[in-house]
Amino acid sequence: MYNDEHNLWKMIGFLEASPSRKKTIICIGEEDYKKPSEIGREMKLTSSQVSNALKDLKEEKLVKCLNEDASKGRLYANTELGLEVLKRLKQDH
């Protein structure tokens, strides 16, 4: 399902077009979850960069919010598709 080559390359291009998106998905990696503040601190991104990146990644179904109803302390994880794209990204670099 996720091994559709065309879709994988499309997603890699989507990440390569934005350093913030790419850094965000890499930072989350295979962790159970990451908070936006941790991503910002670890990747030296502003909170608005992280927020925009997470919104974009969520729209493309690369990340998911684990506690959508929380207004503070939201937790994010990569989806299966996100992990597949991340694996391909690491192979290519």
PDB file of N, CA and C in Angstrom:
ATOM      1  N   MET A   1       0.820  -1.201   0.000  1.00  0.00           N
ATOM      2  CA  MET A   1       0.000   0.000   0.000  1.00  0.00           C
ATOM      3  C   MET A   1       0.864   1.266   0.000  1.00  0.00           C
ATOM      4  N   TYR A   2       1.867   1.304   0.904  1.00  0.00           N
ATOM      5  CA  TYR A   2       2.711   2.489   0.991  1.00  0.00           C
ATOM      6  C   TYR A   2       3.901   2.422   0.045  1.00  0.00           C
ATOM      7  N   ASN A   3       4.099   1.287  -0.601  1.00  0.00           N
ATOM      8  CA  ASN A   3       5.270   1.139  -1.448  1.00  0.00           C
ATOM      9  C   ASN A   3       5.067   1.670  -2.856  1.00  0.00           C
ATOM     10  N   ASP A   4       4.013   2.396  -3.077  1.00  0.00           N
ATOM     11  CA  ASP A   4       3.774   3.019  -4.364  1.00  0.00           C
ATOM     12  C   ASP A   4       4.912   4.022  -4.616  1.00  0.00           C
ATOM     13  N   GLU A   5       5.816   3.654  -5.512  1.00  0.00           N
ATOM     14  CA  GLU A   5       7.017   4.461  -5.783  1.00  0.00           C
ATOM     15  C   GLU A   5       6.696   5.915  -6.101  1.00  0.00           C
ATOM     16  N   HIS A   6       5.716   6.124  -6.953  1.00  0.00           N
ATOM     17  CA  HIS A   6       5.358   7.477  -7.362  1.00  0.00           C
ATOM     18  C   HIS A   6       4.982   8.322  -6.143  1.00  0.00           C
ATOM     19  N   ASN A   7       4.155   7.754  -5.269  1.00  0.00           N
ATOM     20  CA  ASN A   7       3.710   8.485  -4.081  1.00  0.00           C
ATOM     21  C   ASN A   7       4.885   8.755  -3.137  1.00  0.00           C
ATOM     22  N   LEU A   8       5.780   7.782  -2.982  1.00  0.00           N
ATOM     23  CA  LEU A   8       6.947   7.985  -2.122  1.00  0.00           C
ATOM     24  C   LEU A   8       7.800   9.138  -2.624  1.00  0.00           C
ATOM     25  N   TRP A   9       8.068   9.174  -3.935  1.00  0.00           N
ATOM     26  CA  TRP A   9       8.895  10.249  -4.491  1.00  0.00           C
ATOM     27  C   TRP A   9       8.186  11.593  -4.391  1.00  0.00           C
ATOM     28  N   LYS A  10       6.875  11.576  -4.549  1.00  0.00           N
ATOM     29  CA  LYS A  10       6.095  12.807  -4.397  1.00  0.00           C
ATOM     30  C   LYS A  10       6.254  13.348  -2.971  1.00  0.00           C
ATOM     31  N   MET A  11       6.174  12.469  -1.989  1.00  0.00           N
ATOM     32  CA  MET A  11       6.307  12.878  -0.589  1.00  0.00           C
ATOM     33  C   MET A  11       7.724  13.346  -0.273  1.00  0.00           C
ATOM     34  N   ILE A  12       8.724  12.690  -0.847  1.00  0.00           N
ATOM     35  CA  ILE A  12      10.111  13.118  -0.634  1.00  0.00           C
ATOM     36  C   ILE A  12      10.315  14.515  -1.215  1.00  0.00           C
ATOM     37  N   GLY A  13       9.759  14.760  -2.400  1.00  0.00           N
ATOM     38  CA  GLY A  13       9.828  16.101  -2.992  1.00  0.00           C
ATOM     39  C   GLY A  13       9.146  17.134  -2.116  1.00  0.00           C
ATOM     40  N   PHE A  14       8.018  16.752  -1.527  1.00  0.00           N
ATOM     41  CA  PHE A  14       7.264  17.622  -0.615  1.00  0.00           C
ATOM     42  C   PHE A  14       8.140  17.995   0.587  1.00  0.00           C
ATOM     43  N   LEU A  15       8.890  17.039   1.108  1.00  0.00           N
ATOM     44  CA  LEU A  15       9.782  17.310   2.244  1.00  0.00           C
ATOM     45  C   LEU A  15      10.990  18.135   1.832  1.00  0.00           C
ATOM     46  N   GLU A  16      11.565  17.803   0.678  1.00  0.00           N
ATOM     47  CA  GLU A  16      12.759  18.516   0.212  1.00  0.00           C
ATOM     48  C   GLU A  16      12.453  19.986  -0.089  1.00  0.00           C
ATOM     49  N   ALA A  17      11.196  20.291  -0.391  1.00  0.00           N
ATOM     50  CA  ALA A  17      10.809  21.666  -0.715  1.00  0.00           C
ATOM     51  C   ALA A  17      10.781  22.560   0.529  1.00  0.00           C
ATOM     52  N   SER A  18      10.798  21.966   1.712  1.00  0.00           N
ATOM     53  CA  SER A  18      10.717  22.751   2.941  1.00  0.00           C
ATOM     54  C   SER A  18      11.649  22.186   4.007  1.00  0.00           C
ATOM     55  N   PRO A  19      12.719  22.908   4.316  1.00  0.00           N
ATOM     56  CA  PRO A  19      13.634  22.436   5.360  1.00  0.00           C
ATOM     57  C   PRO A  19      12.916  22.192   6.698  1.00  0.00           C
ATOM     58  N   SER A  20      11.923  23.003   7.013  1.00  0.00           N
ATOM     59  CA  SER A  20      11.194  22.833   8.284  1.00  0.00           C
ATOM     60  C   SER A  20      10.439  21.516   8.313  1.00  0.00           C
ATOM     61  N   ARG A  21       9.771  21.166   7.209  1.00  0.00           N
ATOM     62  CA  ARG A  21       9.036  19.900   7.146  1.00  0.00           C
ATOM     63  C   ARG A  21       9.997  18.726   7.265  1.00  0.00           C
ATOM     64  N   LYS A  22      11.089  18.814   6.534  1.00  0.00           N
ATOM     65  CA  LYS A  22      12.069  17.726   6.532  1.00  0.00           C
ATOM     66  C   LYS A  22      12.679  17.552   7.926  1.00  0.00           C
ATOM     67  N   LYS A  23      13.080  18.647   8.553  1.00  0.00           N
ATOM     68  CA  LYS A  23      13.665  18.569   9.894  1.00  0.00           C
ATOM     69  C   LYS A  23      12.658  18.020  10.897  1.00  0.00           C
ATOM     70  N   THR A  24      11.392  18.412  10.754  1.00  0.00           N
ATOM     71  CA  THR A  24      10.358  17.975  11.689  1.00  0.00           C
ATOM     72  C   THR A  24      10.138  16.472  11.610  1.00  0.00           C
ATOM     73  N   ILE A  25       9.988  15.940  10.402  1.00  0.00           N
ATOM     74  CA  ILE A  25       9.738  14.493  10.269  1.00  0.00           C
ATOM     75  C   ILE A  25      10.962  13.693  10.707  1.00  0.00           C
ATOM     76  N   ILE A  26      12.156  14.207  10.440  1.00  0.00           N
ATOM     77  CA  ILE A  26      13.381  13.533  10.868  1.00  0.00           C
ATOM     78  C   ILE A  26      13.481  13.540  12.390  1.00  0.00           C
ATOM     79  N   CYS A  27      13.143  14.674  13.007  1.00  0.00           N
ATOM     80  CA  CYS A  27      13.219  14.794  14.456  1.00  0.00           C
ATOM     81  C   CYS A  27      12.262  13.824  15.150  1.00  0.00           C
ATOM     82  N   ILE A  28      11.051  13.699  14.635  1.00  0.00           N
ATOM     83  CA  ILE A  28      10.084  12.775  15.235  1.00  0.00           C
ATOM     84  C   ILE A  28      10.592  11.342  15.072  1.00  0.00           C
ATOM     85  N   GLY A  29      11.115  11.041  13.894  1.00  0.00           N
ATOM     86  CA  GLY A  29      11.717   9.729  13.647  1.00  0.00           C
ATOM     87  C   GLY A  29      10.829   8.579  14.065  1.00  0.00           C
ATOM     88  N   GLU A  30      11.405   7.620  14.758  1.00  0.00           N
ATOM     89  CA  GLU A  30      10.661   6.430  15.180  1.00  0.00           C
ATOM     90  C   GLU A  30      10.218   6.530  16.636  1.00  0.00           C
ATOM     91  N   GLU A  31      10.325   7.726  17.209  1.00  0.00           N
ATOM     92  CA  GLU A  31       9.892   7.939  18.594  1.00  0.00           C
ATOM     93  C   GLU A  31       8.403   7.625  18.730  1.00  0.00           C
ATOM     94  N   ASP A  32       7.982   7.274  19.936  1.00  0.00           N
ATOM     95  CA  ASP A  32       6.561   7.060  20.201  1.00  0.00           C
ATOM     96  C   ASP A  32       5.800   8.367  20.013  1.00  0.00           C
ATOM     97  N   TYR A  33       6.409   9.464  20.434  1.00  0.00           N
ATOM     98  CA  TYR A  33       5.809  10.786  20.244  1.00  0.00           C
ATOM     99  C   TYR A  33       6.832  11.875  20.509  1.00  0.00           C
ATOM    100  N   LYS A  34       6.553  13.060  19.986  1.00  0.00           N
ATOM    101  CA  LYS A  34       7.359  14.256  20.247  1.00  0.00           C
ATOM    102  C   LYS A  34       6.420  15.424  20.427  1.00  0.00           C
ATOM    103  N   LYS A  35       6.799  16.335  21.314  1.00  0.00           N
ATOM    104  CA  LYS A  35       6.054  17.576  21.492  1.00  0.00           C
ATOM    105  C   LYS A  35       6.639  18.621  20.545  1.00  0.00           C
ATOM    106  N   PRO A  36       5.806  19.531  20.046  1.00  0.00           N
ATOM    107  CA  PRO A  36       6.315  20.590  19.156  1.00  0.00           C
ATOM    108  C   PRO A  36       7.474  21.378  19.762  1.00  0.00           C
ATOM    109  N   SER A  37       7.414  21.637  21.074  1.00  0.00           N
ATOM    110  CA  SER A  37       8.495  22.400  21.720  1.00  0.00           C
ATOM    111  C   SER A  37       9.828  21.650  21.649  1.00  0.00           C
ATOM    112  N   GLU A  38       9.778  20.309  21.775  1.00  0.00           N
ATOM    113  CA  GLU A  38      11.003  19.499  21.673  1.00  0.00           C
ATOM    114  C   GLU A  38      11.565  19.568  20.255  1.00  0.00           C
ATOM    115  N   ILE A  39      10.671  19.492  19.263  1.00  0.00           N
ATOM    116  CA  ILE A  39      11.103  19.546  17.864  1.00  0.00           C
ATOM    117  C   ILE A  39      11.799  20.879  17.601  1.00  0.00           C
ATOM    118  N   GLY A  40      11.170  21.966  18.044  1.00  0.00           N
ATOM    119  CA  GLY A  40      11.756  23.296  17.852  1.00  0.00           C
ATOM    120  C   GLY A  40      13.119  23.426  18.486  1.00  0.00           C
ATOM    121  N   ARG A  41      13.225  22.955  19.722  1.00  0.00           N
ATOM    122  CA  ARG A  41      14.488  23.054  20.453  1.00  0.00           C
ATOM    123  C   ARG A  41      15.574  22.212  19.781  1.00  0.00           C
ATOM    124  N   GLU A  42      15.241  20.951  19.464  1.00  0.00           N
ATOM    125  CA  GLU A  42      16.241  20.043  18.885  1.00  0.00           C
ATOM    126  C   GLU A  42      16.675  20.458  17.479  1.00  0.00           C
ATOM    127  N   MET A  43      15.745  20.991  16.699  1.00  0.00           N
ATOM    128  CA  MET A  43      16.047  21.300  15.301  1.00  0.00           C
ATOM    129  C   MET A  43      16.306  22.790  15.058  1.00  0.00           C
ATOM    130  N   LYS A  44      16.288  23.570  16.146  1.00  0.00           N
ATOM    131  CA  LYS A  44      16.513  25.020  16.055  1.00  0.00           C
ATOM    132  C   LYS A  44      15.530  25.693  15.096  1.00  0.00           C
ATOM    133  N   LEU A  45      14.244  25.387  15.308  1.00  0.00           N
ATOM    134  CA  LEU A  45      13.164  25.976  14.524  1.00  0.00           C
ATOM    135  C   LEU A  45      12.282  26.801  15.456  1.00  0.00           C
ATOM    136  N   THR A  46      11.659  27.844  14.915  1.00  0.00           N
ATOM    137  CA  THR A  46      10.729  28.636  15.724  1.00  0.00           C
ATOM    138  C   THR A  46       9.437  27.840  15.913  1.00  0.00           C
ATOM    139  N   SER A  47       8.645  28.261  16.892  1.00  0.00           N
ATOM    140  CA  SER A  47       7.386  27.549  17.134  1.00  0.00           C
ATOM    141  C   SER A  47       6.460  27.663  15.930  1.00  0.00           C
ATOM    142  N   SER A  48       6.483  28.790  15.225  1.00  0.00           N
ATOM    143  CA  SER A  48       5.610  28.911  14.046  1.00  0.00           C
ATOM    144  C   SER A  48       6.103  28.020  12.903  1.00  0.00           C
ATOM    145  N   GLN A  49       7.417  27.856  12.761  1.00  0.00           N
ATOM    146  CA  GLN A  49       7.940  26.939  11.737  1.00  0.00           C
ATOM    147  C   GLN A  49       7.495  25.507  12.028  1.00  0.00           C
ATOM    148  N   VAL A  50       7.594  25.107  13.295  1.00  0.00           N
ATOM    149  CA  VAL A  50       7.197  23.750  13.687  1.00  0.00           C
ATOM    150  C   VAL A  50       5.694  23.577  13.489  1.00  0.00           C
ATOM    151  N   SER A  51       4.931  24.564  13.906  1.00  0.00           N
ATOM    152  CA  SER A  51       3.475  24.496  13.792  1.00  0.00           C
ATOM    153  C   SER A  51       3.048  24.357  12.323  1.00  0.00           C
ATOM    154  N   ASN A  52       3.622  25.172  11.450  1.00  0.00           N
ATOM    155  CA  ASN A  52       3.296  25.098  10.023  1.00  0.00           C
ATOM    156  C   ASN A  52       3.731  23.767   9.422  1.00  0.00           C
ATOM    157  N   ALA A  53       4.921  23.307   9.815  1.00  0.00           N
ATOM    158  CA  ALA A  53       5.423  22.026   9.294  1.00  0.00           C
ATOM    159  C   ALA A  53       4.508  20.885   9.725  1.00  0.00           C
ATOM    160  N   LEU A  54       4.104  20.875  10.990  1.00  0.00           N
ATOM    161  CA  LEU A  54       3.227  19.800  11.484  1.00  0.00           C
ATOM    162  C   LEU A  54       1.880  19.833  10.778  1.00  0.00           C
ATOM    163  N   LYS A  55       1.358  21.026  10.549  1.00  0.00           N
ATOM    164  CA  LYS A  55       0.076  21.159   9.843  1.00  0.00           C
ATOM    165  C   LYS A  55       0.195  20.565   8.436  1.00  0.00           C
ATOM    166  N   ASP A  56       1.262  20.929   7.720  1.00  0.00           N
ATOM    167  CA  ASP A  56       1.487  20.409   6.366  1.00  0.00           C
ATOM    168  C   ASP A  56       1.668  18.893   6.365  1.00  0.00           C
ATOM    169  N   LEU A  57       2.479  18.400   7.298  1.00  0.00           N
ATOM    170  CA  LEU A  57       2.755  16.965   7.369  1.00  0.00           C
ATOM    171  C   LEU A  57       1.499  16.178   7.726  1.00  0.00           C
ATOM    172  N   LYS A  58       0.665  16.769   8.569  1.00  0.00           N
ATOM    173  CA  LYS A  58      -0.587  16.116   8.959  1.00  0.00           C
ATOM    174  C   LYS A  58      -1.541  16.037   7.767  1.00  0.00           C
ATOM    175  N   GLU A  59      -1.606  17.118   6.988  1.00  0.00           N
ATOM    176  CA  GLU A  59      -2.479  17.135   5.801  1.00  0.00           C
ATOM    177  C   GLU A  59      -2.082  16.047   4.807  1.00  0.00           C
ATOM    178  N   GLU A  60      -0.791  15.774   4.720  1.00  0.00           N
ATOM    179  CA  GLU A  60      -0.293  14.743   3.791  1.00  0.00           C
ATOM    180  C   GLU A  60      -0.262  13.357   4.436  1.00  0.00           C
ATOM    181  N   LYS A  61      -0.760  13.270   5.658  1.00  0.00           N
ATOM    182  CA  LYS A  61      -0.835  12.006   6.400  1.00  0.00           C
ATOM    183  C   LYS A  61       0.544  11.384   6.676  1.00  0.00           C
ATOM    184  N   LEU A  62       1.534  12.258   6.885  1.00  0.00           N
ATOM    185  CA  LEU A  62       2.872  11.797   7.233  1.00  0.00           C
ATOM    186  C   LEU A  62       3.062  11.760   8.748  1.00  0.00           C
ATOM    187  N   VAL A  63       2.344  12.626   9.463  1.00  0.00           N
ATOM    188  CA  VAL A  63       2.344  12.593  10.925  1.00  0.00           C
ATOM    189  C   VAL A  63       0.909  12.602  11.421  1.00  0.00           C
ATOM    190  N   LYS A  64       0.750  12.186  12.678  1.00  0.00           N
ATOM    191  CA  LYS A  64      -0.584  12.232  13.297  1.00  0.00           C
ATOM    192  C   LYS A  64      -0.434  12.827  14.694  1.00  0.00           C
ATOM    193  N   CYS A  65      -1.485  13.513  15.118  1.00  0.00           N
ATOM    194  CA  CYS A  65      -1.544  14.031  16.478  1.00  0.00           C
ATOM    195  C   CYS A  65      -2.200  12.946  17.321  1.00  0.00           C
ATOM    196  N   LEU A  66      -1.562  12.577  18.413  1.00  0.00           N
ATOM    197  CA  LEU A  66      -2.055  11.482  19.242  1.00  0.00           C
ATOM    198  C   LEU A  66      -3.126  11.926  20.232  1.00  0.00           C
ATOM    199  N   ASN A  67      -3.200  13.216  20.500  1.00  0.00           N
ATOM    200  CA  ASN A  67      -4.188  13.740  21.449  1.00  0.00           C
ATOM    201  C   ASN A  67      -4.799  15.030  20.905  1.00  0.00           C
ATOM    202  N   GLU A  68      -5.540  14.873  19.841  1.00  0.00           N
ATOM    203  CA  GLU A  68      -6.117  15.978  19.078  1.00  0.00           C
ATOM    204  C   GLU A  68      -6.926  16.970  19.923  1.00  0.00           C
ATOM    205  N   ASP A  69      -7.592  16.491  20.991  1.00  0.00           N
ATOM    206  CA  ASP A  69      -8.447  17.387  21.779  1.00  0.00           C
ATOM    207  C   ASP A  69      -7.659  18.310  22.707  1.00  0.00           C
ATOM    208  N   ALA A  70      -6.405  18.008  22.936  1.00  0.00           N
ATOM    209  CA  ALA A  70      -5.600  18.834  23.845  1.00  0.00           C
ATOM    210  C   ALA A  70      -5.279  20.172  23.204  1.00  0.00           C
ATOM    211  N   SER A  71      -5.465  21.243  23.971  1.00  0.00           N
ATOM    212  CA  SER A  71      -5.095  22.552  23.431  1.00  0.00           C
ATOM    213  C   SER A  71      -3.630  22.838  23.738  1.00  0.00           C
ATOM    214  N   LYS A  72      -3.085  22.176  24.768  1.00  0.00           N
ATOM    215  CA  LYS A  72      -1.662  22.293  25.097  1.00  0.00           C
ATOM    216  C   LYS A  72      -1.105  20.889  25.272  1.00  0.00           C
ATOM    217  N   GLY A  73       0.188  20.763  25.042  1.00  0.00           N
ATOM    218  CA  GLY A  73       0.831  19.466  25.230  1.00  0.00           C
ATOM    219  C   GLY A  73       0.469  18.440  24.182  1.00  0.00           C
ATOM    220  N   ARG A  74       0.266  18.901  22.958  1.00  0.00           N
ATOM    221  CA  ARG A  74      -0.041  17.949  21.880  1.00  0.00           C
ATOM    222  C   ARG A  74       1.170  17.066  21.601  1.00  0.00           C
ATOM    223  N   LEU A  75       0.880  15.830  21.226  1.00  0.00           N
ATOM    224  CA  LEU A  75       1.916  14.839  20.961  1.00  0.00           C
ATOM    225  C   LEU A  75       1.778  14.348  19.522  1.00  0.00           C
ATOM    226  N   TYR A  76       2.909  14.297  18.824  1.00  0.00           N
ATOM    227  CA  TYR A  76       2.909  13.902  17.413  1.00  0.00           C
ATOM    228  C   TYR A  76       3.792  12.697  17.183  1.00  0.00           C
ATOM    229  N   ALA A  77       3.371  11.858  16.237  1.00  0.00           N
ATOM    230  CA  ALA A  77       4.150  10.682  15.828  1.00  0.00           C
ATOM    231  C   ALA A  77       4.063  10.560  14.312  1.00  0.00           C
ATOM    232  N   ASN A  78       5.065   9.929  13.725  1.00  0.00           N
ATOM    233  CA  ASN A  78       5.018   9.664  12.289  1.00  0.00           C
ATOM    234  C   ASN A  78       4.034   8.524  12.025  1.00  0.00           C
ATOM    235  N   THR A  79       3.318   8.622  10.930  1.00  0.00           N
ATOM    236  CA  THR A  79       2.427   7.547  10.498  1.00  0.00           C
ATOM    237  C   THR A  79       3.274   6.470   9.808  1.00  0.00           C
ATOM    238  N   GLU A  80       2.635   5.374   9.420  1.00  0.00           N
ATOM    239  CA  GLU A  80       3.362   4.341   8.661  1.00  0.00           C
ATOM    240  C   GLU A  80       3.924   4.936   7.373  1.00  0.00           C
ATOM    241  N   LEU A  81       3.129   5.765   6.707  1.00  0.00           N
ATOM    242  CA  LEU A  81       3.593   6.411   5.486  1.00  0.00           C
ATOM    243  C   LEU A  81       4.786   7.312   5.793  1.00  0.00           C
ATOM    244  N   GLY A  82       4.696   8.079   6.879  1.00  0.00           N
ATOM    245  CA  GLY A  82       5.795   8.951   7.289  1.00  0.00           C
ATOM    246  C   GLY A  82       7.068   8.170   7.541  1.00  0.00           C
ATOM    247  N   LEU A  83       6.946   7.024   8.198  1.00  0.00           N
ATOM    248  CA  LEU A  83       8.117   6.184   8.485  1.00  0.00           C
ATOM    249  C   LEU A  83       8.708   5.601   7.206  1.00  0.00           C
ATOM    250  N   GLU A  84       7.832   5.230   6.278  1.00  0.00           N
ATOM    251  CA  GLU A  84       8.283   4.689   4.988  1.00  0.00           C
ATOM    252  C   GLU A  84       9.066   5.760   4.202  1.00  0.00           C
ATOM    253  N   VAL A  85       8.532   6.967   4.181  1.00  0.00           N
ATOM    254  CA  VAL A  85       9.194   8.078   3.484  1.00  0.00           C
ATOM    255  C   VAL A  85      10.525   8.403   4.175  1.00  0.00           C
ATOM    256  N   LEU A  86      10.511   8.406   5.489  1.00  0.00           N
ATOM    257  CA  LEU A  86      11.720   8.686   6.263  1.00  0.00           C
ATOM    258  C   LEU A  86      12.810   7.657   5.965  1.00  0.00           C
ATOM    259  N   LYS A  87      12.408   6.385   5.876  1.00  0.00           N
ATOM    260  CA  LYS A  87      13.363   5.320   5.565  1.00  0.00           C
ATOM    261  C   LYS A  87      13.991   5.554   4.189  1.00  0.00           C
ATOM    262  N   ARG A  88      13.161   5.937   3.223  1.00  0.00           N
ATOM    263  CA  ARG A  88      13.655   6.201   1.867  1.00  0.00           C
ATOM    264  C   ARG A  88      14.574   7.432   1.864  1.00  0.00           C
ATOM    265  N   LEU A  89      14.217   8.440   2.618  1.00  0.00           N
ATOM    266  CA  LEU A  89      15.040   9.644   2.712  1.00  0.00           C
ATOM    267  C   LEU A  89      16.433   9.295   3.221  1.00  0.00           C
ATOM    268  N   LYS A  90      16.488   8.457   4.246  1.00  0.00           N
ATOM    269  CA  LYS A  90      17.779   8.083   4.849  1.00  0.00           C
ATOM    270  C   LYS A  90      18.616   7.241   3.881  1.00  0.00           C
ATOM    271  N   GLN A  91      17.966   6.415   3.061  1.00  0.00           N
ATOM    272  CA  GLN A  91      18.682   5.595   2.075  1.00  0.00           C
ATOM    273  C   GLN A  91      19.354   6.469   1.027  1.00  0.00           C
ATOM    274  N   ASP A  92      18.652   7.555   0.670  1.00  0.00           N
ATOM    275  CA  ASP A  92      19.131   8.398  -0.413  1.00  0.00           C
ATOM    276  C   ASP A  92      20.205   9.391   0.021  1.00  0.00           C
ATOM    277  N   HIS A  93      20.459   9.482   1.317  1.00  0.00           N
ATOM    278  CA  HIS A  93      21.459  10.452   1.774  1.00  0.00           C
ATOM    279  C   HIS A  93      22.610   9.780   2.459  1.00  0.00           C
TER     280      HIS A  93
END
